[in-house]
Amino acid sequence: MTEQLISDHKHVSIGDLDITIRPITPEDKEIEASFVRNLSLQTKYERFFEGINDLSPSMLNVLCNIDYINTMAYVATIASPAGEKEIGVCRYAADKTPGECEMAITVADDYPYDEIATVLIDTLVKHAKSNNVKTLFSTDLSTNYRMHKLAEHLGMTAKTHPQDSTLIVYTLVL
C-alpha cells in the first residue's frame, strides 16, 4: 500500500485500487445514498441494526453535513465510469461525555474490508486527536466478525453492552 497526502485528501493504493480518502461533503448525498443502497442486506443490518433499503433525505443530511469538530466523516472513493464511487465511510459523532465520540465504519462488500477500514480509521483517529477527542467507541452486533477482527487489530477493548447482550462496545483510547 502506498499513500500520498494532498490537503485533506489522501490517495492510497490498495492492490489495483486507487482510492481517495477525503472528508464527506453535503454534495456527496447521491454517492452516499448509492453506497448504502448497494450494500448487502447483512452489511446494512450490521451498520444500521435494521434492514433498510435507502437512506431518507433527513438521514442523508445528517450523514453528509459534518462540522469537523463534533462530527467528522471520511469517505473512501474510487473513479468509476459513472463518476466518483464511494466504497467506504468512517465517521464519529460526539457523545454525551466530553472527549468521547461514537464511531462507525462501513466498507462496500466487494472491496478489501481490512485494508480500507484501517486507512479510514487511521485518518479519523488523526483528526479526532487534533480535536481533543480522547476516546472513540463503537457499538456493534456480536455477530459482526469483520468489526471484531478490526477492533482486535486496532487494540480496541471489547465489552458486552450492559443493556443488550447481542451488542459489543469496542473502545479505543487515543
N, C-alpha and C. Protein backbone atom coordinates (compact mmCIF):
# COMPACT_ATOMS: atom_id res chain seq x y z
N MET A 1 0.85 -1.18 0.00
CA MET A 1 0.00 0.00 0.00
C MET A 1 0.89 1.23 0.00
N THR A 2 0.58 2.17 -0.90
CA THR A 2 1.29 3.45 -0.91
C THR A 2 0.27 4.54 -0.67
N GLU A 3 0.74 5.68 -0.10
CA GLU A 3 -0.18 6.76 0.13
C GLU A 3 0.49 8.10 -0.13
N GLN A 4 -0.33 9.06 -0.48
CA GLN A 4 0.13 10.41 -0.77
C GLN A 4 -0.91 11.36 -0.17
N LEU A 5 -0.45 12.41 0.53
CA LEU A 5 -1.37 13.35 1.16
C LEU A 5 -1.35 14.67 0.40
N ILE A 6 -2.53 15.10 -0.03
CA ILE A 6 -2.70 16.40 -0.68
C ILE A 6 -3.84 17.09 0.05
N SER A 7 -3.55 18.19 0.74
CA SER A 7 -4.52 18.91 1.57
C SER A 7 -5.21 17.93 2.51
N ASP A 8 -6.54 17.93 2.53
CA ASP A 8 -7.25 16.99 3.40
C ASP A 8 -7.69 15.74 2.64
N HIS A 9 -7.13 15.53 1.46
CA HIS A 9 -7.37 14.33 0.66
C HIS A 9 -6.12 13.45 0.73
N LYS A 10 -6.33 12.18 0.94
CA LYS A 10 -5.24 11.22 0.95
C LYS A 10 -5.48 10.24 -0.19
N HIS A 11 -4.45 9.95 -0.94
CA HIS A 11 -4.57 8.98 -2.03
C HIS A 11 -3.77 7.75 -1.65
N VAL A 12 -4.43 6.60 -1.69
CA VAL A 12 -3.77 5.35 -1.34
C VAL A 12 -4.00 4.33 -2.44
N SER A 13 -3.05 3.44 -2.57
CA SER A 13 -3.20 2.31 -3.49
C SER A 13 -3.28 1.05 -2.66
N ILE A 14 -4.34 0.30 -2.87
CA ILE A 14 -4.53 -0.99 -2.21
C ILE A 14 -4.77 -1.98 -3.34
N GLY A 15 -3.79 -2.83 -3.57
CA GLY A 15 -3.88 -3.74 -4.71
C GLY A 15 -3.95 -2.92 -5.99
N ASP A 16 -4.95 -3.18 -6.81
CA ASP A 16 -5.14 -2.45 -8.07
C ASP A 16 -6.01 -1.21 -7.90
N LEU A 17 -6.46 -0.93 -6.68
CA LEU A 17 -7.37 0.18 -6.44
C LEU A 17 -6.62 1.47 -6.12
N ASP A 18 -6.99 2.55 -6.80
CA ASP A 18 -6.50 3.88 -6.46
C ASP A 18 -7.64 4.56 -5.72
N ILE A 19 -7.44 4.76 -4.42
CA ILE A 19 -8.50 5.22 -3.53
C ILE A 19 -8.19 6.62 -3.02
N THR A 20 -9.21 7.45 -2.98
CA THR A 20 -9.10 8.77 -2.35
C THR A 20 -9.84 8.71 -1.02
N ILE A 21 -9.17 9.16 0.03
CA ILE A 21 -9.79 9.30 1.35
C ILE A 21 -9.95 10.80 1.56
N ARG A 22 -11.18 11.23 1.82
CA ARG A 22 -11.42 12.66 1.98
C ARG A 22 -12.64 12.87 2.88
N PRO A 23 -12.78 14.09 3.41
CA PRO A 23 -13.98 14.38 4.21
C PRO A 23 -15.24 14.30 3.35
N ILE A 24 -16.30 13.86 3.94
CA ILE A 24 -17.60 13.86 3.25
C ILE A 24 -18.07 15.31 3.14
N THR A 25 -18.89 15.60 2.15
CA THR A 25 -19.42 16.95 1.96
C THR A 25 -20.93 16.87 1.71
N PRO A 26 -21.64 17.98 1.85
CA PRO A 26 -23.07 17.98 1.54
C PRO A 26 -23.36 17.58 0.09
N GLU A 27 -22.40 17.77 -0.80
CA GLU A 27 -22.58 17.40 -2.20
C GLU A 27 -22.49 15.89 -2.43
N ASP A 28 -22.15 15.14 -1.40
CA ASP A 28 -21.98 13.69 -1.52
C ASP A 28 -23.25 12.90 -1.25
N LYS A 29 -24.38 13.56 -1.15
CA LYS A 29 -25.62 12.84 -0.81
C LYS A 29 -25.92 11.71 -1.80
N GLU A 30 -25.70 11.94 -3.08
CA GLU A 30 -26.03 10.91 -4.06
C GLU A 30 -25.08 9.71 -3.97
N ILE A 31 -23.78 9.96 -3.81
CA ILE A 31 -22.86 8.81 -3.72
C ILE A 31 -23.03 8.09 -2.38
N GLU A 32 -23.40 8.82 -1.32
CA GLU A 32 -23.67 8.16 -0.02
C GLU A 32 -24.93 7.31 -0.14
N ALA A 33 -25.98 7.85 -0.78
CA ALA A 33 -27.22 7.09 -0.96
C ALA A 33 -26.97 5.84 -1.80
N SER A 34 -26.21 5.98 -2.87
CA SER A 34 -25.90 4.85 -3.74
C SER A 34 -25.06 3.81 -2.99
N PHE A 35 -24.10 4.28 -2.21
CA PHE A 35 -23.25 3.39 -1.42
C PHE A 35 -24.11 2.51 -0.51
N VAL A 36 -25.00 3.13 0.26
CA VAL A 36 -25.84 2.36 1.19
C VAL A 36 -26.81 1.46 0.42
N ARG A 37 -27.40 1.98 -0.63
CA ARG A 37 -28.36 1.20 -1.43
C ARG A 37 -27.72 -0.09 -1.95
N ASN A 38 -26.43 -0.05 -2.28
CA ASN A 38 -25.76 -1.20 -2.89
C ASN A 38 -25.07 -2.13 -1.89
N LEU A 39 -25.17 -1.81 -0.60
CA LEU A 39 -24.62 -2.73 0.40
C LEU A 39 -25.50 -3.97 0.49
N SER A 40 -24.90 -5.09 0.88
CA SER A 40 -25.69 -6.31 1.09
C SER A 40 -26.63 -6.10 2.27
N LEU A 41 -27.67 -6.90 2.34
CA LEU A 41 -28.60 -6.81 3.48
C LEU A 41 -27.87 -7.01 4.79
N GLN A 42 -26.92 -7.95 4.82
CA GLN A 42 -26.15 -8.22 6.03
C GLN A 42 -25.34 -6.99 6.47
N THR A 43 -24.65 -6.37 5.52
CA THR A 43 -23.83 -5.20 5.85
C THR A 43 -24.71 -4.03 6.30
N LYS A 44 -25.85 -3.84 5.66
CA LYS A 44 -26.78 -2.78 6.09
C LYS A 44 -27.25 -3.05 7.52
N TYR A 45 -27.57 -4.30 7.79
CA TYR A 45 -28.04 -4.65 9.14
C TYR A 45 -26.93 -4.43 10.17
N GLU A 46 -25.70 -4.81 9.83
CA GLU A 46 -24.58 -4.61 10.76
C GLU A 46 -24.34 -3.13 11.02
N ARG A 47 -24.57 -2.28 10.03
CA ARG A 47 -24.33 -0.84 10.19
C ARG A 47 -25.48 -0.13 10.89
N PHE A 48 -26.72 -0.44 10.49
CA PHE A 48 -27.88 0.32 10.98
C PHE A 48 -28.76 -0.46 11.96
N PHE A 49 -28.43 -1.73 12.20
CA PHE A 49 -29.19 -2.60 13.11
C PHE A 49 -30.63 -2.80 12.64
N GLU A 50 -30.88 -2.55 11.38
CA GLU A 50 -32.19 -2.78 10.80
C GLU A 50 -32.02 -2.97 9.30
N GLY A 51 -33.01 -3.58 8.70
CA GLY A 51 -32.95 -3.81 7.26
C GLY A 51 -33.51 -2.62 6.51
N ILE A 52 -32.64 -1.73 6.07
CA ILE A 52 -33.09 -0.57 5.31
C ILE A 52 -32.72 -0.75 3.84
N ASN A 53 -33.47 -0.12 2.97
CA ASN A 53 -33.11 -0.12 1.56
C ASN A 53 -32.41 1.16 1.18
N ASP A 54 -33.02 2.28 1.56
CA ASP A 54 -32.49 3.59 1.20
C ASP A 54 -32.45 4.50 2.42
N LEU A 55 -31.55 5.46 2.39
CA LEU A 55 -31.48 6.47 3.43
C LEU A 55 -32.51 7.55 3.13
N SER A 56 -33.19 8.02 4.16
CA SER A 56 -34.15 9.10 3.99
C SER A 56 -33.39 10.40 3.71
N PRO A 57 -34.07 11.39 3.12
CA PRO A 57 -33.41 12.69 2.90
C PRO A 57 -32.87 13.30 4.20
N SER A 58 -33.59 13.15 5.30
CA SER A 58 -33.10 13.72 6.56
C SER A 58 -31.86 12.97 7.06
N MET A 59 -31.82 11.66 6.87
CA MET A 59 -30.65 10.89 7.27
C MET A 59 -29.45 11.26 6.39
N LEU A 60 -29.68 11.46 5.11
CA LEU A 60 -28.59 11.89 4.22
C LEU A 60 -28.05 13.25 4.64
N ASN A 61 -28.93 14.14 5.05
CA ASN A 61 -28.48 15.45 5.55
C ASN A 61 -27.58 15.29 6.76
N VAL A 62 -27.99 14.46 7.70
CA VAL A 62 -27.20 14.23 8.91
C VAL A 62 -25.84 13.63 8.56
N LEU A 63 -25.83 12.61 7.70
CA LEU A 63 -24.60 11.90 7.38
C LEU A 63 -23.63 12.71 6.53
N CYS A 64 -24.14 13.61 5.71
CA CYS A 64 -23.27 14.35 4.78
C CYS A 64 -22.91 15.76 5.25
N ASN A 65 -23.46 16.19 6.36
CA ASN A 65 -23.14 17.52 6.90
C ASN A 65 -22.37 17.34 8.20
N ILE A 66 -21.10 17.64 8.16
CA ILE A 66 -20.23 17.48 9.32
C ILE A 66 -19.73 18.85 9.74
N ASP A 67 -19.35 18.97 11.01
CA ASP A 67 -18.80 20.26 11.47
C ASP A 67 -17.29 20.19 11.72
N TYR A 68 -16.68 19.06 11.46
CA TYR A 68 -15.23 18.84 11.60
C TYR A 68 -14.75 18.80 13.06
N ILE A 69 -15.62 19.05 14.02
CA ILE A 69 -15.22 19.02 15.43
C ILE A 69 -16.04 17.96 16.16
N ASN A 70 -17.36 18.19 16.28
CA ASN A 70 -18.23 17.24 16.97
C ASN A 70 -18.68 16.11 16.07
N THR A 71 -18.66 16.35 14.78
CA THR A 71 -18.99 15.31 13.80
C THR A 71 -17.94 15.35 12.69
N MET A 72 -17.50 14.17 12.30
CA MET A 72 -16.50 14.06 11.24
C MET A 72 -16.74 12.77 10.50
N ALA A 73 -16.53 12.80 9.19
CA ALA A 73 -16.66 11.58 8.39
C ALA A 73 -15.71 11.65 7.21
N TYR A 74 -15.07 10.54 6.95
CA TYR A 74 -14.20 10.39 5.78
C TYR A 74 -14.80 9.31 4.89
N VAL A 75 -14.77 9.57 3.57
CA VAL A 75 -15.21 8.58 2.61
C VAL A 75 -14.00 8.07 1.85
N ALA A 76 -14.09 6.82 1.44
CA ALA A 76 -13.11 6.21 0.53
C ALA A 76 -13.82 6.13 -0.81
N THR A 77 -13.20 6.73 -1.84
CA THR A 77 -13.83 6.74 -3.16
C THR A 77 -12.85 6.26 -4.23
N ILE A 78 -13.42 5.78 -5.31
CA ILE A 78 -12.63 5.40 -6.49
C ILE A 78 -13.29 6.03 -7.71
N ALA A 79 -12.53 6.15 -8.76
CA ALA A 79 -13.09 6.63 -10.03
C ALA A 79 -13.82 5.46 -10.69
N SER A 80 -14.97 5.76 -11.25
CA SER A 80 -15.73 4.74 -11.99
C SER A 80 -16.24 5.38 -13.27
N PRO A 81 -16.70 4.58 -14.24
CA PRO A 81 -17.22 5.16 -15.48
C PRO A 81 -18.35 6.17 -15.24
N ALA A 82 -19.12 5.97 -14.17
CA ALA A 82 -20.23 6.87 -13.86
C ALA A 82 -19.79 8.06 -13.01
N GLY A 83 -18.51 8.13 -12.67
CA GLY A 83 -18.01 9.20 -11.81
C GLY A 83 -17.45 8.65 -10.51
N GLU A 84 -17.33 9.50 -9.52
CA GLU A 84 -16.77 9.09 -8.24
C GLU A 84 -17.72 8.09 -7.56
N LYS A 85 -17.15 7.01 -7.02
CA LYS A 85 -17.93 5.96 -6.36
C LYS A 85 -17.42 5.78 -4.94
N GLU A 86 -18.32 5.86 -3.98
CA GLU A 86 -17.97 5.63 -2.58
C GLU A 86 -17.88 4.14 -2.32
N ILE A 87 -16.77 3.72 -1.67
CA ILE A 87 -16.61 2.30 -1.34
C ILE A 87 -16.41 2.08 0.15
N GLY A 88 -16.39 3.17 0.93
CA GLY A 88 -16.26 3.05 2.37
C GLY A 88 -16.47 4.38 3.04
N VAL A 89 -16.82 4.32 4.33
CA VAL A 89 -17.01 5.54 5.12
C VAL A 89 -16.72 5.22 6.58
N CYS A 90 -16.11 6.19 7.24
CA CYS A 90 -15.83 6.08 8.67
C CYS A 90 -16.17 7.43 9.29
N ARG A 91 -16.87 7.40 10.41
CA ARG A 91 -17.33 8.66 11.00
C ARG A 91 -17.32 8.60 12.51
N TYR A 92 -17.35 9.79 13.10
CA TYR A 92 -17.60 9.88 14.54
C TYR A 92 -18.57 11.01 14.80
N ALA A 93 -19.24 10.91 15.95
CA ALA A 93 -20.13 11.97 16.44
C ALA A 93 -19.95 12.05 17.94
N ALA A 94 -19.93 13.28 18.44
CA ALA A 94 -19.73 13.49 19.87
C ALA A 94 -20.82 12.79 20.67
N ASP A 95 -20.41 12.26 21.81
CA ASP A 95 -21.31 11.60 22.74
C ASP A 95 -21.64 12.57 23.86
N LYS A 96 -22.44 12.13 24.81
CA LYS A 96 -22.79 12.98 25.96
C LYS A 96 -21.58 13.30 26.82
N THR A 97 -20.64 12.38 26.90
CA THR A 97 -19.45 12.57 27.73
C THR A 97 -18.40 13.36 26.96
N PRO A 98 -17.93 14.49 27.51
CA PRO A 98 -16.90 15.27 26.81
C PRO A 98 -15.67 14.41 26.50
N GLY A 99 -15.14 14.58 25.30
CA GLY A 99 -13.95 13.83 24.89
C GLY A 99 -14.23 12.45 24.33
N GLU A 100 -15.50 12.02 24.36
CA GLU A 100 -15.87 10.71 23.81
C GLU A 100 -16.72 10.89 22.56
N CYS A 101 -16.45 10.08 21.57
CA CYS A 101 -17.23 10.10 20.33
C CYS A 101 -17.57 8.69 19.92
N GLU A 102 -18.79 8.52 19.43
CA GLU A 102 -19.17 7.24 18.88
C GLU A 102 -18.73 7.20 17.42
N MET A 103 -18.21 6.07 17.00
CA MET A 103 -17.75 5.94 15.63
C MET A 103 -18.44 4.78 14.93
N ALA A 104 -18.40 4.83 13.61
CA ALA A 104 -18.94 3.74 12.79
C ALA A 104 -18.09 3.63 11.53
N ILE A 105 -18.00 2.43 11.03
CA ILE A 105 -17.25 2.19 9.79
C ILE A 105 -18.03 1.21 8.93
N THR A 106 -18.04 1.49 7.64
CA THR A 106 -18.69 0.59 6.69
C THR A 106 -17.85 0.57 5.42
N VAL A 107 -17.64 -0.63 4.89
CA VAL A 107 -16.92 -0.80 3.64
C VAL A 107 -17.81 -1.63 2.71
N ALA A 108 -17.88 -1.22 1.46
CA ALA A 108 -18.69 -1.94 0.47
C ALA A 108 -18.25 -3.40 0.41
N ASP A 109 -19.22 -4.26 0.20
CA ASP A 109 -18.99 -5.71 0.27
C ASP A 109 -17.95 -6.25 -0.70
N ASP A 110 -17.81 -5.63 -1.87
CA ASP A 110 -16.91 -6.16 -2.90
C ASP A 110 -15.48 -5.64 -2.82
N TYR A 111 -15.13 -4.99 -1.71
CA TYR A 111 -13.81 -4.38 -1.58
C TYR A 111 -13.10 -4.89 -0.34
N PRO A 112 -11.76 -4.78 -0.31
CA PRO A 112 -11.00 -5.34 0.83
C PRO A 112 -11.27 -4.58 2.14
N TYR A 113 -12.09 -5.18 2.97
CA TYR A 113 -12.55 -4.54 4.21
C TYR A 113 -11.41 -4.10 5.11
N ASP A 114 -10.54 -5.03 5.47
CA ASP A 114 -9.49 -4.73 6.46
C ASP A 114 -8.61 -3.56 6.03
N GLU A 115 -8.16 -3.57 4.78
CA GLU A 115 -7.25 -2.53 4.32
C GLU A 115 -7.94 -1.17 4.24
N ILE A 116 -9.13 -1.12 3.68
CA ILE A 116 -9.85 0.15 3.54
C ILE A 116 -10.28 0.65 4.92
N ALA A 117 -10.79 -0.22 5.75
CA ALA A 117 -11.22 0.18 7.09
C ALA A 117 -10.05 0.74 7.89
N THR A 118 -8.90 0.11 7.79
CA THR A 118 -7.72 0.58 8.55
C THR A 118 -7.30 1.97 8.11
N VAL A 119 -7.25 2.22 6.80
CA VAL A 119 -6.88 3.55 6.31
C VAL A 119 -7.90 4.59 6.76
N LEU A 120 -9.19 4.25 6.67
CA LEU A 120 -10.23 5.19 7.10
C LEU A 120 -10.12 5.49 8.59
N ILE A 121 -9.97 4.45 9.40
CA ILE A 121 -9.90 4.67 10.84
C ILE A 121 -8.64 5.43 11.22
N ASP A 122 -7.51 5.11 10.62
CA ASP A 122 -6.28 5.86 10.91
C ASP A 122 -6.46 7.34 10.62
N THR A 123 -7.11 7.66 9.51
CA THR A 123 -7.36 9.05 9.14
C THR A 123 -8.31 9.70 10.15
N LEU A 124 -9.35 8.99 10.54
CA LEU A 124 -10.32 9.52 11.51
C LEU A 124 -9.66 9.73 12.87
N VAL A 125 -8.83 8.80 13.29
CA VAL A 125 -8.15 8.91 14.59
C VAL A 125 -7.24 10.14 14.62
N LYS A 126 -6.48 10.36 13.55
CA LYS A 126 -5.62 11.55 13.49
C LYS A 126 -6.44 12.83 13.64
N HIS A 127 -7.55 12.87 12.94
CA HIS A 127 -8.42 14.04 13.03
C HIS A 127 -9.00 14.17 14.44
N ALA A 128 -9.46 13.08 15.01
CA ALA A 128 -10.05 13.10 16.35
C ALA A 128 -9.04 13.62 17.37
N LYS A 129 -7.81 13.12 17.31
CA LYS A 129 -6.78 13.57 18.24
C LYS A 129 -6.55 15.08 18.12
N SER A 130 -6.57 15.60 16.90
CA SER A 130 -6.35 17.03 16.70
C SER A 130 -7.50 17.87 17.25
N ASN A 131 -8.63 17.23 17.56
CA ASN A 131 -9.78 17.92 18.13
C ASN A 131 -10.04 17.51 19.58
N ASN A 132 -8.99 17.01 20.23
CA ASN A 132 -9.03 16.65 21.66
C ASN A 132 -10.04 15.56 22.00
N VAL A 133 -10.34 14.71 21.04
CA VAL A 133 -11.14 13.53 21.34
C VAL A 133 -10.22 12.55 22.04
N LYS A 134 -10.66 12.03 23.16
CA LYS A 134 -9.83 11.12 23.96
C LYS A 134 -10.20 9.66 23.76
N THR A 135 -11.47 9.41 23.40
CA THR A 135 -11.94 8.03 23.26
C THR A 135 -12.92 7.93 22.10
N LEU A 136 -12.74 6.90 21.29
CA LEU A 136 -13.71 6.54 20.26
C LEU A 136 -14.31 5.20 20.67
N PHE A 137 -15.62 5.07 20.50
CA PHE A 137 -16.24 3.78 20.79
C PHE A 137 -17.24 3.44 19.69
N SER A 138 -17.45 2.16 19.53
CA SER A 138 -18.36 1.66 18.51
C SER A 138 -19.23 0.56 19.11
N THR A 139 -20.51 0.64 18.87
CA THR A 139 -21.42 -0.40 19.33
C THR A 139 -21.80 -1.24 18.12
N ASP A 140 -21.50 -2.52 18.20
CA ASP A 140 -21.72 -3.40 17.05
C ASP A 140 -22.39 -4.69 17.48
N LEU A 141 -23.02 -5.34 16.52
CA LEU A 141 -23.61 -6.65 16.77
C LEU A 141 -22.50 -7.63 17.12
N SER A 142 -22.78 -8.52 18.05
CA SER A 142 -21.77 -9.51 18.45
C SER A 142 -21.43 -10.45 17.30
N THR A 143 -22.28 -10.52 16.29
CA THR A 143 -22.05 -11.37 15.13
C THR A 143 -21.27 -10.66 14.01
N ASN A 144 -20.89 -9.40 14.23
CA ASN A 144 -20.16 -8.64 13.22
C ASN A 144 -18.67 -9.01 13.33
N TYR A 145 -18.30 -10.09 12.68
CA TYR A 145 -16.95 -10.62 12.81
C TYR A 145 -15.89 -9.74 12.15
N ARG A 146 -16.26 -9.04 11.08
CA ARG A 146 -15.28 -8.13 10.46
C ARG A 146 -14.89 -7.03 11.45
N MET A 147 -15.87 -6.48 12.15
CA MET A 147 -15.56 -5.43 13.12
C MET A 147 -14.77 -6.01 14.29
N HIS A 148 -15.11 -7.21 14.71
CA HIS A 148 -14.37 -7.84 15.81
C HIS A 148 -12.89 -8.00 15.45
N LYS A 149 -12.64 -8.48 14.25
CA LYS A 149 -11.26 -8.67 13.79
C LYS A 149 -10.54 -7.32 13.68
N LEU A 150 -11.22 -6.31 13.14
CA LEU A 150 -10.63 -4.98 13.01
C LEU A 150 -10.34 -4.38 14.38
N ALA A 151 -11.28 -4.50 15.30
CA ALA A 151 -11.09 -3.96 16.65
C ALA A 151 -9.90 -4.61 17.34
N GLU A 152 -9.77 -5.91 17.16
CA GLU A 152 -8.62 -6.63 17.71
C GLU A 152 -7.32 -6.09 17.12
N HIS A 153 -7.30 -5.90 15.81
CA HIS A 153 -6.13 -5.38 15.11
C HIS A 153 -5.76 -3.97 15.61
N LEU A 154 -6.77 -3.16 15.91
CA LEU A 154 -6.54 -1.78 16.37
C LEU A 154 -6.24 -1.69 17.87
N GLY A 155 -6.37 -2.81 18.58
CA GLY A 155 -6.12 -2.80 20.02
C GLY A 155 -7.27 -2.21 20.82
N MET A 156 -8.48 -2.28 20.27
CA MET A 156 -9.66 -1.78 20.97
C MET A 156 -10.07 -2.79 22.04
N THR A 157 -10.60 -2.29 23.15
CA THR A 157 -11.16 -3.19 24.15
C THR A 157 -12.58 -3.54 23.73
N ALA A 158 -13.06 -4.68 24.17
CA ALA A 158 -14.40 -5.14 23.82
C ALA A 158 -15.13 -5.57 25.07
N LYS A 159 -16.35 -5.05 25.23
CA LYS A 159 -17.20 -5.43 26.36
C LYS A 159 -18.62 -5.61 25.87
N THR A 160 -19.32 -6.56 26.46
CA THR A 160 -20.73 -6.74 26.14
C THR A 160 -21.50 -5.52 26.60
N HIS A 161 -22.43 -5.06 25.76
CA HIS A 161 -23.25 -3.88 26.09
C HIS A 161 -24.04 -4.18 27.36
N PRO A 162 -24.09 -3.23 28.31
CA PRO A 162 -24.75 -3.51 29.59
C PRO A 162 -26.25 -3.76 29.49
N GLN A 163 -26.93 -3.23 28.45
CA GLN A 163 -28.37 -3.44 28.34
C GLN A 163 -28.77 -4.43 27.25
N ASP A 164 -27.80 -4.91 26.46
CA ASP A 164 -28.15 -5.79 25.36
C ASP A 164 -26.99 -6.74 25.06
N SER A 165 -27.16 -7.99 25.42
CA SER A 165 -26.07 -8.96 25.28
C SER A 165 -25.78 -9.32 23.82
N THR A 166 -26.59 -8.87 22.88
CA THR A 166 -26.31 -9.13 21.46
C THR A 166 -25.38 -8.06 20.87
N LEU A 167 -25.01 -7.07 21.69
CA LEU A 167 -24.15 -5.98 21.24
C LEU A 167 -22.82 -5.98 21.96
N ILE A 168 -21.78 -5.56 21.25
CA ILE A 168 -20.44 -5.40 21.81
C ILE A 168 -20.07 -3.92 21.70
N VAL A 169 -19.50 -3.36 22.75
CA VAL A 169 -18.99 -1.99 22.71
C VAL A 169 -17.47 -2.08 22.63
N TYR A 170 -16.93 -1.59 21.52
CA TYR A 170 -15.49 -1.54 21.31
C TYR A 170 -15.02 -0.13 21.65
N THR A 171 -13.91 -0.04 22.38
CA THR A 171 -13.40 1.26 22.80
C THR A 171 -11.95 1.40 22.42
N LEU A 172 -11.61 2.57 21.87
CA LEU A 172 -10.23 2.90 21.50
C LEU A 172 -9.84 4.18 22.24
N VAL A 173 -8.88 4.07 23.15
CA VAL A 173 -8.37 5.23 23.85
C VAL A 173 -7.28 5.84 22.98
N LEU A 174 -7.42 7.14 22.70
CA LEU A 174 -6.48 7.81 21.80
C LEU A 174 -5.30 8.41 22.55
